[in-house]
Amino acid sequence: MGAWQPLPDDLPSEVRHFVEQLRQLKDRTGLSLVALGARTAYSKSSWQRYLNATQPPPRQAVVALCRVAGIGKDEAERFGVRWELAVQAWPKPVTVPGKPEGAARDAGGAEVPGEPARPSGGREDDEEYEDDPTLPWWDAPPKKSEPPSRRLLVVAVALAVALVLAAVLGAVALG
């Protein structure tokens, strides 16, 4: 089970550590990638990308692997922390505007025929993935709430006035 291909040399240490730990966890399950895919709802090819550090796994894939491996809550939480650190450091694929993704580029940005794209050495300052593949919509941070609309405020005041008026009229009618 330990016949993994070597990880790229330029991989950030957080990513390398996380992927190595993920590989060990996968090996602990004793499952093939096909069987792991069937038990986690992530395909064999997805697991290959995650375990070879070509793509960061979604948080839910890591949770599913922890569940299948039968690890305890504390260790699963540690995997969650490792995942967060790795995702922050994960290299963004090299792309050149106007060129299709998936092809390697030389230092000048020219496509190198026959070679797959390689991850860059890391992210630039504060650069984010355009569409973060590691956070499913249910794990995304909540959007900032907008202030209540003026219409809602008017309706609330009108209801309060109607309630006070009903109470006053009720008291006058009984009195």
N, C-alpha and C. Protein backbone atom coordinates (compact mmCIF):
# COMPACT_ATOMS: atom_id res chain seq x y z
N MET A 1 0.81 -1.20 0.00
CA MET A 1 0.00 0.00 0.00
C MET A 1 0.85 1.26 0.00
N GLY A 2 2.12 1.19 0.38
CA GLY A 2 2.93 2.38 0.53
C GLY A 2 3.67 2.78 -0.72
N ALA A 3 3.24 2.35 -1.90
CA ALA A 3 3.94 2.67 -3.14
C ALA A 3 3.41 3.96 -3.74
N TRP A 4 3.61 5.05 -3.05
CA TRP A 4 3.13 6.35 -3.52
C TRP A 4 4.18 6.98 -4.41
N GLN A 5 3.72 7.76 -5.40
CA GLN A 5 4.69 8.50 -6.20
C GLN A 5 5.23 9.66 -5.36
N PRO A 6 6.46 10.05 -5.60
CA PRO A 6 7.04 11.14 -4.79
C PRO A 6 6.27 12.45 -5.01
N LEU A 7 6.18 13.23 -3.96
CA LEU A 7 5.53 14.54 -4.05
C LEU A 7 6.50 15.53 -4.68
N PRO A 8 5.99 16.56 -5.36
CA PRO A 8 6.87 17.56 -5.97
C PRO A 8 7.78 18.22 -4.93
N ASP A 9 9.01 18.50 -5.33
CA ASP A 9 9.99 19.10 -4.41
C ASP A 9 9.60 20.51 -3.97
N ASP A 10 8.91 21.25 -4.84
CA ASP A 10 8.60 22.65 -4.51
C ASP A 10 7.28 22.80 -3.75
N LEU A 11 6.74 21.70 -3.25
CA LEU A 11 5.48 21.74 -2.51
C LEU A 11 5.70 22.40 -1.15
N PRO A 12 4.84 23.34 -0.75
CA PRO A 12 4.98 23.95 0.58
C PRO A 12 4.93 22.88 1.67
N SER A 13 5.65 23.11 2.75
CA SER A 13 5.75 22.11 3.82
C SER A 13 4.41 21.76 4.43
N GLU A 14 3.50 22.74 4.56
CA GLU A 14 2.16 22.46 5.12
C GLU A 14 1.40 21.48 4.23
N VAL A 15 1.51 21.67 2.92
CA VAL A 15 0.82 20.80 1.97
C VAL A 15 1.46 19.41 2.00
N ARG A 16 2.78 19.37 1.99
CA ARG A 16 3.50 18.08 2.01
C ARG A 16 3.10 17.28 3.26
N HIS A 17 3.14 17.92 4.43
CA HIS A 17 2.80 17.23 5.67
C HIS A 17 1.36 16.72 5.62
N PHE A 18 0.44 17.56 5.17
CA PHE A 18 -0.97 17.16 5.12
C PHE A 18 -1.16 15.97 4.19
N VAL A 19 -0.59 16.02 2.99
CA VAL A 19 -0.76 14.93 2.02
C VAL A 19 -0.13 13.65 2.54
N GLU A 20 1.04 13.75 3.18
CA GLU A 20 1.66 12.55 3.75
C GLU A 20 0.77 11.94 4.82
N GLN A 21 0.17 12.77 5.67
CA GLN A 21 -0.73 12.28 6.70
C GLN A 21 -1.99 11.67 6.08
N LEU A 22 -2.49 12.30 5.02
CA LEU A 22 -3.66 11.77 4.32
C LEU A 22 -3.36 10.41 3.70
N ARG A 23 -2.17 10.28 3.13
CA ARG A 23 -1.75 9.00 2.54
C ARG A 23 -1.69 7.91 3.62
N GLN A 24 -1.12 8.24 4.78
CA GLN A 24 -1.04 7.26 5.86
C GLN A 24 -2.44 6.85 6.32
N LEU A 25 -3.34 7.82 6.41
CA LEU A 25 -4.71 7.52 6.82
C LEU A 25 -5.39 6.62 5.79
N LYS A 26 -5.18 6.91 4.51
CA LYS A 26 -5.75 6.06 3.46
C LYS A 26 -5.18 4.65 3.56
N ASP A 27 -3.87 4.53 3.79
CA ASP A 27 -3.25 3.22 3.91
C ASP A 27 -3.82 2.45 5.11
N ARG A 28 -4.13 3.16 6.20
CA ARG A 28 -4.71 2.51 7.38
C ARG A 28 -6.05 1.86 7.08
N THR A 29 -6.78 2.40 6.11
CA THR A 29 -8.08 1.82 5.78
C THR A 29 -7.94 0.47 5.10
N GLY A 30 -6.81 0.24 4.43
CA GLY A 30 -6.62 -1.00 3.69
C GLY A 30 -7.43 -1.06 2.40
N LEU A 31 -8.04 0.05 2.01
CA LEU A 31 -8.89 0.09 0.83
C LEU A 31 -8.12 0.53 -0.40
N SER A 32 -8.52 0.02 -1.55
CA SER A 32 -7.99 0.54 -2.81
C SER A 32 -8.65 1.90 -3.06
N LEU A 33 -8.14 2.63 -4.04
CA LEU A 33 -8.75 3.93 -4.36
C LEU A 33 -10.17 3.76 -4.88
N VAL A 34 -10.42 2.67 -5.61
CA VAL A 34 -11.77 2.41 -6.11
C VAL A 34 -12.72 2.16 -4.94
N ALA A 35 -12.29 1.31 -3.99
CA ALA A 35 -13.13 1.02 -2.83
C ALA A 35 -13.31 2.26 -1.96
N LEU A 36 -12.24 3.07 -1.82
CA LEU A 36 -12.34 4.30 -1.05
C LEU A 36 -13.34 5.25 -1.71
N GLY A 37 -13.28 5.32 -3.03
CA GLY A 37 -14.24 6.16 -3.76
C GLY A 37 -15.66 5.72 -3.54
N ALA A 38 -15.89 4.42 -3.52
CA ALA A 38 -17.25 3.89 -3.31
C ALA A 38 -17.74 4.18 -1.90
N ARG A 39 -16.84 4.21 -0.92
CA ARG A 39 -17.25 4.42 0.47
C ARG A 39 -17.33 5.89 0.86
N THR A 40 -16.77 6.79 0.03
CA THR A 40 -16.75 8.21 0.39
C THR A 40 -17.49 9.11 -0.58
N ALA A 41 -17.96 8.60 -1.68
CA ALA A 41 -18.65 9.39 -2.71
C ALA A 41 -17.71 10.34 -3.46
N TYR A 42 -16.40 10.11 -3.36
CA TYR A 42 -15.42 10.84 -4.15
C TYR A 42 -14.74 9.81 -5.05
N SER A 43 -14.61 10.10 -6.32
CA SER A 43 -14.13 9.12 -7.29
C SER A 43 -12.67 8.73 -7.08
N LYS A 44 -12.30 7.62 -7.70
CA LYS A 44 -10.91 7.15 -7.66
C LYS A 44 -9.98 8.23 -8.19
N SER A 45 -10.36 8.86 -9.31
CA SER A 45 -9.49 9.89 -9.89
C SER A 45 -9.39 11.11 -8.98
N SER A 46 -10.47 11.45 -8.28
CA SER A 46 -10.40 12.56 -7.31
C SER A 46 -9.42 12.22 -6.20
N TRP A 47 -9.51 11.01 -5.66
CA TRP A 47 -8.58 10.61 -4.59
C TRP A 47 -7.15 10.60 -5.10
N GLN A 48 -6.94 10.21 -6.36
CA GLN A 48 -5.59 10.25 -6.92
C GLN A 48 -5.06 11.68 -6.92
N ARG A 49 -5.91 12.62 -7.33
CA ARG A 49 -5.47 14.03 -7.34
C ARG A 49 -5.18 14.53 -5.93
N TYR A 50 -6.04 14.18 -4.96
CA TYR A 50 -5.84 14.65 -3.59
C TYR A 50 -4.57 14.05 -2.98
N LEU A 51 -4.36 12.75 -3.19
CA LEU A 51 -3.26 12.03 -2.56
C LEU A 51 -1.92 12.22 -3.27
N ASN A 52 -1.97 12.81 -4.47
CA ASN A 52 -0.73 13.14 -5.18
C ASN A 52 -0.46 14.64 -5.19
N ALA A 53 -1.25 15.39 -4.42
CA ALA A 53 -1.08 16.82 -4.21
C ALA A 53 -1.24 17.64 -5.48
N THR A 54 -2.02 17.14 -6.44
CA THR A 54 -2.28 17.95 -7.64
C THR A 54 -3.52 18.82 -7.47
N GLN A 55 -4.34 18.51 -6.46
CA GLN A 55 -5.53 19.31 -6.18
C GLN A 55 -5.86 19.18 -4.70
N PRO A 56 -6.23 20.28 -4.05
CA PRO A 56 -6.61 20.17 -2.64
C PRO A 56 -7.96 19.46 -2.51
N PRO A 57 -8.09 18.58 -1.53
CA PRO A 57 -9.37 17.90 -1.34
C PRO A 57 -10.38 18.82 -0.68
N PRO A 58 -11.66 18.63 -0.96
CA PRO A 58 -12.67 19.37 -0.19
C PRO A 58 -12.64 18.91 1.27
N ARG A 59 -13.03 19.77 2.17
CA ARG A 59 -13.07 19.41 3.59
C ARG A 59 -13.91 18.15 3.80
N GLN A 60 -15.02 18.03 3.08
CA GLN A 60 -15.90 16.88 3.27
C GLN A 60 -15.24 15.58 2.84
N ALA A 61 -14.32 15.61 1.89
CA ALA A 61 -13.58 14.40 1.50
C ALA A 61 -12.69 13.95 2.66
N VAL A 62 -12.05 14.90 3.32
CA VAL A 62 -11.19 14.58 4.46
C VAL A 62 -12.04 14.01 5.60
N VAL A 63 -13.19 14.62 5.85
CA VAL A 63 -14.10 14.12 6.88
C VAL A 63 -14.54 12.70 6.55
N ALA A 64 -14.86 12.45 5.28
CA ALA A 64 -15.29 11.11 4.86
C ALA A 64 -14.17 10.09 5.05
N LEU A 65 -12.93 10.46 4.72
CA LEU A 65 -11.80 9.55 4.89
C LEU A 65 -11.60 9.25 6.38
N CYS A 66 -11.70 10.26 7.22
CA CYS A 66 -11.57 10.06 8.67
C CYS A 66 -12.65 9.09 9.17
N ARG A 67 -13.86 9.26 8.67
CA ARG A 67 -14.97 8.39 9.08
C ARG A 67 -14.70 6.94 8.65
N VAL A 68 -14.28 6.75 7.39
CA VAL A 68 -14.00 5.41 6.87
C VAL A 68 -12.85 4.77 7.63
N ALA A 69 -11.84 5.56 8.01
CA ALA A 69 -10.69 5.04 8.74
C ALA A 69 -11.01 4.77 10.21
N GLY A 70 -12.16 5.26 10.66
CA GLY A 70 -12.59 5.00 12.03
C GLY A 70 -11.76 5.71 13.07
N ILE A 71 -11.27 6.91 12.76
CA ILE A 71 -10.45 7.62 13.74
C ILE A 71 -11.34 8.39 14.71
N GLY A 72 -10.80 8.70 15.86
CA GLY A 72 -11.55 9.40 16.90
C GLY A 72 -11.74 10.87 16.60
N LYS A 73 -12.58 11.47 17.40
CA LYS A 73 -12.94 12.88 17.20
C LYS A 73 -11.72 13.80 17.30
N ASP A 74 -10.85 13.55 18.29
CA ASP A 74 -9.67 14.42 18.47
C ASP A 74 -8.75 14.37 17.26
N GLU A 75 -8.48 13.16 16.77
CA GLU A 75 -7.60 13.02 15.61
C GLU A 75 -8.25 13.62 14.36
N ALA A 76 -9.57 13.44 14.24
CA ALA A 76 -10.29 14.02 13.10
C ALA A 76 -10.19 15.55 13.13
N GLU A 77 -10.27 16.13 14.33
CA GLU A 77 -10.14 17.58 14.46
C GLU A 77 -8.74 18.04 14.05
N ARG A 78 -7.72 17.25 14.39
CA ARG A 78 -6.35 17.58 13.99
C ARG A 78 -6.23 17.55 12.47
N PHE A 79 -6.91 16.58 11.83
CA PHE A 79 -6.89 16.54 10.36
C PHE A 79 -7.57 17.79 9.79
N GLY A 80 -8.62 18.26 10.44
CA GLY A 80 -9.28 19.48 9.99
C GLY A 80 -8.34 20.68 10.06
N VAL A 81 -7.54 20.76 11.13
CA VAL A 81 -6.58 21.86 11.27
C VAL A 81 -5.50 21.74 10.20
N ARG A 82 -5.00 20.53 9.99
CA ARG A 82 -3.97 20.32 8.95
C ARG A 82 -4.52 20.70 7.58
N TRP A 83 -5.79 20.36 7.34
CA TRP A 83 -6.43 20.69 6.06
C TRP A 83 -6.47 22.21 5.88
N GLU A 84 -6.87 22.94 6.91
CA GLU A 84 -6.95 24.41 6.82
C GLU A 84 -5.58 25.01 6.52
N LEU A 85 -4.55 24.54 7.20
CA LEU A 85 -3.20 25.05 6.96
C LEU A 85 -2.73 24.73 5.54
N ALA A 86 -3.02 23.51 5.09
CA ALA A 86 -2.60 23.10 3.75
C ALA A 86 -3.31 23.89 2.67
N VAL A 87 -4.60 24.10 2.83
CA VAL A 87 -5.37 24.82 1.82
C VAL A 87 -4.88 26.26 1.68
N GLN A 88 -4.51 26.87 2.81
CA GLN A 88 -3.99 28.24 2.75
C GLN A 88 -2.68 28.32 1.99
N ALA A 89 -1.88 27.26 2.08
CA ALA A 89 -0.56 27.27 1.44
C ALA A 89 -0.56 26.58 0.07
N TRP A 90 -1.69 25.96 -0.31
CA TRP A 90 -1.72 25.16 -1.54
C TRP A 90 -1.38 26.01 -2.75
N PRO A 91 -0.45 25.54 -3.58
CA PRO A 91 -0.07 26.32 -4.76
C PRO A 91 -1.23 26.41 -5.76
N LYS A 92 -1.38 27.58 -6.30
CA LYS A 92 -2.41 27.79 -7.33
C LYS A 92 -1.84 27.34 -8.68
N PRO A 93 -2.64 26.63 -9.50
CA PRO A 93 -2.13 26.21 -10.81
C PRO A 93 -1.70 27.41 -11.64
N VAL A 94 -0.65 27.22 -12.43
CA VAL A 94 -0.13 28.28 -13.29
C VAL A 94 -1.04 28.39 -14.50
N THR A 95 -1.58 29.57 -14.74
CA THR A 95 -2.40 29.80 -15.92
C THR A 95 -1.98 31.11 -16.57
N VAL A 96 -2.15 31.17 -17.86
CA VAL A 96 -1.86 32.37 -18.61
C VAL A 96 -3.17 32.80 -19.25
N PRO A 97 -3.58 34.08 -19.11
CA PRO A 97 -4.83 34.51 -19.70
C PRO A 97 -4.89 34.18 -21.18
N GLY A 98 -6.04 33.64 -21.60
CA GLY A 98 -6.23 33.33 -23.01
C GLY A 98 -5.72 31.96 -23.41
N LYS A 99 -5.03 31.28 -22.52
CA LYS A 99 -4.51 29.94 -22.82
C LYS A 99 -5.30 28.93 -22.01
N PRO A 100 -5.56 27.75 -22.57
CA PRO A 100 -6.28 26.74 -21.80
C PRO A 100 -5.45 26.24 -20.64
N GLU A 101 -6.15 25.89 -19.52
CA GLU A 101 -5.46 25.33 -18.38
C GLU A 101 -5.06 23.91 -18.70
N GLY A 102 -4.11 23.40 -17.95
CA GLY A 102 -3.74 22.01 -18.10
C GLY A 102 -2.43 21.80 -18.83
N ALA A 103 -1.85 22.82 -19.43
CA ALA A 103 -0.58 22.67 -20.12
C ALA A 103 0.50 23.38 -19.32
N ALA A 104 1.69 22.81 -19.29
CA ALA A 104 2.79 23.42 -18.57
C ALA A 104 3.26 24.66 -19.32
N ARG A 105 3.82 25.60 -18.61
CA ARG A 105 4.32 26.84 -19.20
C ARG A 105 5.77 27.01 -18.82
N ASP A 106 6.55 27.60 -19.74
CA ASP A 106 7.94 27.90 -19.40
C ASP A 106 7.98 29.24 -18.67
N ALA A 107 9.18 29.71 -18.33
CA ALA A 107 9.32 30.95 -17.55
C ALA A 107 8.71 32.15 -18.26
N GLY A 108 8.67 32.13 -19.58
CA GLY A 108 8.09 33.24 -20.33
C GLY A 108 6.59 33.10 -20.55
N GLY A 109 5.99 32.00 -20.05
CA GLY A 109 4.55 31.81 -20.19
C GLY A 109 4.17 31.01 -21.42
N ALA A 110 5.16 30.57 -22.20
CA ALA A 110 4.86 29.80 -23.41
C ALA A 110 4.53 28.35 -23.03
N GLU A 111 3.58 27.77 -23.75
CA GLU A 111 3.16 26.41 -23.48
C GLU A 111 4.27 25.43 -23.82
N VAL A 112 4.50 24.46 -22.93
CA VAL A 112 5.49 23.41 -23.17
C VAL A 112 4.71 22.18 -23.64
N PRO A 113 4.82 21.80 -24.92
CA PRO A 113 4.02 20.70 -25.42
C PRO A 113 4.32 19.38 -24.71
N GLY A 114 3.26 18.62 -24.46
CA GLY A 114 3.41 17.28 -23.91
C GLY A 114 3.64 17.21 -22.41
N GLU A 115 3.69 18.34 -21.73
CA GLU A 115 3.90 18.30 -20.29
C GLU A 115 2.67 18.84 -19.58
N PRO A 116 2.25 18.14 -18.50
CA PRO A 116 1.10 18.65 -17.74
C PRO A 116 1.47 19.89 -16.95
N ALA A 117 0.47 20.63 -16.57
CA ALA A 117 0.71 21.84 -15.77
C ALA A 117 1.29 21.45 -14.43
N ARG A 118 2.18 22.28 -13.92
CA ARG A 118 2.74 22.07 -12.59
C ARG A 118 2.26 23.20 -11.70
N PRO A 119 2.06 22.88 -10.42
CA PRO A 119 1.66 23.96 -9.52
C PRO A 119 2.77 24.98 -9.36
N SER A 120 2.38 26.21 -9.09
CA SER A 120 3.39 27.24 -8.84
C SER A 120 3.97 27.01 -7.46
N GLY A 121 4.99 27.77 -7.12
CA GLY A 121 5.65 27.59 -5.83
C GLY A 121 4.83 28.08 -4.66
N GLY A 122 3.76 28.76 -4.86
CA GLY A 122 2.94 29.26 -3.76
C GLY A 122 2.13 30.43 -4.22
N ARG A 123 1.31 30.93 -3.34
CA ARG A 123 0.44 32.06 -3.68
C ARG A 123 1.16 33.37 -3.44
N GLU A 124 0.74 34.38 -4.23
CA GLU A 124 1.25 35.72 -3.97
C GLU A 124 0.48 36.29 -2.79
N ASP A 125 0.93 37.42 -2.29
CA ASP A 125 0.29 38.02 -1.12
C ASP A 125 -1.20 38.19 -1.32
N ASP A 126 -1.98 37.66 -0.37
CA ASP A 126 -3.44 37.80 -0.33
C ASP A 126 -4.14 37.33 -1.59
N GLU A 127 -3.51 36.51 -2.42
CA GLU A 127 -4.19 36.01 -3.61
C GLU A 127 -5.08 34.84 -3.22
N GLU A 128 -6.30 34.84 -3.69
CA GLU A 128 -7.27 33.80 -3.37
C GLU A 128 -7.60 33.02 -4.63
N TYR A 129 -8.05 31.78 -4.45
CA TYR A 129 -8.60 31.04 -5.57
C TYR A 129 -9.86 31.76 -6.01
N GLU A 130 -10.06 31.87 -7.34
CA GLU A 130 -11.29 32.50 -7.81
C GLU A 130 -12.50 31.72 -7.35
N ASP A 131 -12.47 30.41 -7.56
CA ASP A 131 -13.56 29.56 -7.14
C ASP A 131 -12.94 28.48 -6.27
N ASP A 132 -12.92 28.68 -4.97
CA ASP A 132 -12.21 27.82 -4.05
C ASP A 132 -12.80 26.41 -4.08
N PRO A 133 -12.06 25.44 -4.63
CA PRO A 133 -12.61 24.09 -4.75
C PRO A 133 -12.62 23.34 -3.43
N THR A 134 -12.06 23.91 -2.39
CA THR A 134 -11.96 23.18 -1.14
C THR A 134 -13.11 23.45 -0.19
N LEU A 135 -13.90 24.44 -0.47
CA LEU A 135 -15.01 24.77 0.41
C LEU A 135 -16.34 24.56 -0.30
N PRO A 136 -17.07 23.51 0.04
CA PRO A 136 -18.40 23.37 -0.54
C PRO A 136 -19.29 24.48 -0.02
N TRP A 137 -20.37 24.74 -0.70
CA TRP A 137 -21.22 25.88 -0.34
C TRP A 137 -21.70 25.81 1.09
N TRP A 138 -21.89 24.59 1.65
CA TRP A 138 -22.39 24.50 3.02
C TRP A 138 -21.32 24.80 4.04
N ASP A 139 -20.04 24.81 3.65
CA ASP A 139 -18.96 25.16 4.56
C ASP A 139 -18.46 26.58 4.37
N ALA A 140 -18.98 27.25 3.34
CA ALA A 140 -18.51 28.61 3.06
C ALA A 140 -18.89 29.54 4.20
N PRO A 141 -18.05 30.51 4.51
CA PRO A 141 -18.40 31.44 5.57
C PRO A 141 -19.65 32.22 5.18
N PRO A 142 -20.48 32.55 6.16
CA PRO A 142 -21.71 33.26 5.84
C PRO A 142 -21.41 34.64 5.24
N LYS A 143 -22.26 35.04 4.33
CA LYS A 143 -22.10 36.36 3.73
C LYS A 143 -22.48 37.41 4.77
N LYS A 144 -21.88 38.59 4.63
CA LYS A 144 -22.19 39.67 5.55
C LYS A 144 -23.66 40.03 5.40
N SER A 145 -24.33 40.17 6.54
CA SER A 145 -25.75 40.49 6.47
C SER A 145 -25.91 41.97 6.13
N GLU A 146 -26.95 42.23 5.37
CA GLU A 146 -27.24 43.61 4.99
C GLU A 146 -28.12 44.23 6.07
N PRO A 147 -28.05 45.53 6.24
CA PRO A 147 -28.92 46.16 7.24
C PRO A 147 -30.38 45.97 6.85
N PRO A 148 -31.26 45.90 7.85
CA PRO A 148 -32.68 45.71 7.53
C PRO A 148 -33.18 46.85 6.63
N SER A 149 -34.07 46.50 5.76
CA SER A 149 -34.57 47.50 4.83
C SER A 149 -35.50 48.49 5.55
N ARG A 150 -35.67 49.64 4.96
CA ARG A 150 -36.53 50.67 5.53
C ARG A 150 -37.98 50.19 5.55
N ARG A 151 -38.35 49.40 4.55
CA ARG A 151 -39.72 48.89 4.48
C ARG A 151 -40.02 47.99 5.68
N LEU A 152 -39.08 47.15 6.06
CA LEU A 152 -39.26 46.28 7.22
C LEU A 152 -39.45 47.11 8.48
N LEU A 153 -38.70 48.18 8.62
CA LEU A 153 -38.82 49.05 9.78
C LEU A 153 -40.20 49.72 9.82
N VAL A 154 -40.69 50.18 8.68
CA VAL A 154 -42.01 50.82 8.62
C VAL A 154 -43.10 49.82 9.01
N VAL A 155 -42.99 48.59 8.52
CA VAL A 155 -43.99 47.57 8.85
C VAL A 155 -43.96 47.28 10.35
N ALA A 156 -42.77 47.16 10.94
CA ALA A 156 -42.66 46.89 12.37
C ALA A 156 -43.28 48.02 13.19
N VAL A 157 -43.01 49.27 12.83
CA VAL A 157 -43.58 50.42 13.56
C VAL A 157 -45.10 50.43 13.40
N ALA A 158 -45.60 50.15 12.20
CA ALA A 158 -47.05 50.13 11.97
C ALA A 158 -47.72 49.04 12.81
N LEU A 159 -47.11 47.89 12.91
CA LEU A 159 -47.68 46.83 13.73
C LEU A 159 -47.67 47.22 15.21
N ALA A 160 -46.62 47.85 15.68
CA ALA A 160 -46.55 48.28 17.07
C ALA A 160 -47.62 49.32 17.37
N VAL A 161 -47.82 50.26 16.45
CA VAL A 161 -48.86 51.29 16.63
C VAL A 161 -50.24 50.62 16.65
N ALA A 162 -50.47 49.66 15.74
CA ALA A 162 -51.76 48.96 15.70
C ALA A 162 -52.00 48.19 16.99
N LEU A 163 -50.98 47.57 17.55
CA LEU A 163 -51.12 46.83 18.80
C LEU A 163 -51.45 47.76 19.96
N VAL A 164 -50.77 48.90 20.04
CA VAL A 164 -51.05 49.87 21.10
C VAL A 164 -52.46 50.43 20.95
N LEU A 165 -52.85 50.74 19.72
CA LEU A 165 -54.20 51.26 19.47
C LEU A 165 -55.26 50.24 19.85
N ALA A 166 -55.05 48.98 19.53
CA ALA A 166 -56.00 47.92 19.89
C ALA A 166 -56.09 47.79 21.40
N ALA A 167 -54.96 47.89 22.10
CA ALA A 167 -54.97 47.80 23.56
C ALA A 167 -55.73 48.97 24.17
N VAL A 168 -55.53 50.19 23.66
CA VAL A 168 -56.22 51.37 24.17
C VAL A 168 -57.72 51.26 23.92
N LEU A 169 -58.11 50.88 22.69
CA LEU A 169 -59.53 50.73 22.39
C LEU A 169 -60.16 49.63 23.23
N GLY A 170 -59.46 48.55 23.47
CA GLY A 170 -59.97 47.47 24.32
C GLY A 170 -60.19 47.95 25.75
N ALA A 171 -59.27 48.74 26.27
CA ALA A 171 -59.39 49.26 27.63
C ALA A 171 -60.55 50.25 27.73
N VAL A 172 -60.75 51.09 26.70
CA VAL A 172 -61.86 52.07 26.71
C VAL A 172 -63.20 51.32 26.62
N ALA A 173 -63.28 50.28 25.81
CA ALA A 173 -64.52 49.53 25.63
C ALA A 173 -64.90 48.79 26.93
N LEU A 174 -63.94 48.33 27.70
CA LEU A 174 -64.22 47.62 28.94
C LEU A 174 -64.49 48.58 30.09
N GLY A 175 -64.02 49.75 29.97
CA GLY A 175 -64.07 50.67 31.09
C GLY A 175 -65.25 51.48 31.16
